[in-house]
Amino acid sequence: MELEELNTLWQKIDRKLDNLGKINKKMIFESVTKDRQKKLNRERYQYLFGLIIGPLGVTFFSFPWSGYFDWKILLGILFEGIYVTYSIFMSIRIIRALRSIDLNNDSILESVKKISYFKRISNAGLKFSYILSPLALSGALLVSWDHFVFDYKTIAFLLVVSFVSSFLLYINYRIKQRRYDNLESEILELNEYL
């Protein structure tokens, strides 16, 4: 009889330990996913901010202050419009992809699929934005063409600005690409907590 009591007591304690282990894993999983979800939400808010501020900034800076339109201003507005339209389109796609990711309710494999889709869209958007940035810079230059005196200092300044902006866009592209790779690997590490 004493052996059976010890056996049932041992089974009760074992069930309690199993339940506590499951609760611990669940709490760790929720705390880890909450941090990753905050990162995704922060990224979504950055894209929303860019979606609002980007077109307003381009509209403000490309507004022709001289009061007349000629072919340079119209061509510059067209170039900037192409860049802004593409940026808006890609931002909306990226925001939709980010909104679909829910780490708390989706399975890990489903979350990884959604993150890889987001990564693919975001990398393509950043790459083409890097390629189209000279178009936007040339559009800004065409809009403000009459306000520049083209001597060697101005040309050197414009070349420096274009190279620096291209370099900064490339650095931004690499940083975001690395951040997205880290996020995907962190999500894959969540399998340990399940």
Foldseek 3Di string as FASTA:
>chain_A
DVVVVVVVVVVVVVVVVVVVLLVVLLVVLVVLLVVLLVVLVVVLVVLVVCLPVVVVVLCVLLPQPVPDDDPLSVQLCVLLVVLNVLSNVLSVVLNVLSVVADSVPDDLVVNLVSLVVSLVSVLVSLVVNLVSVVSNLSSSCSSCVVVDDDDPVVVVVSVVVVVVVSVVSVVVSVVVNVVSVVSSVSSVVSVVSD
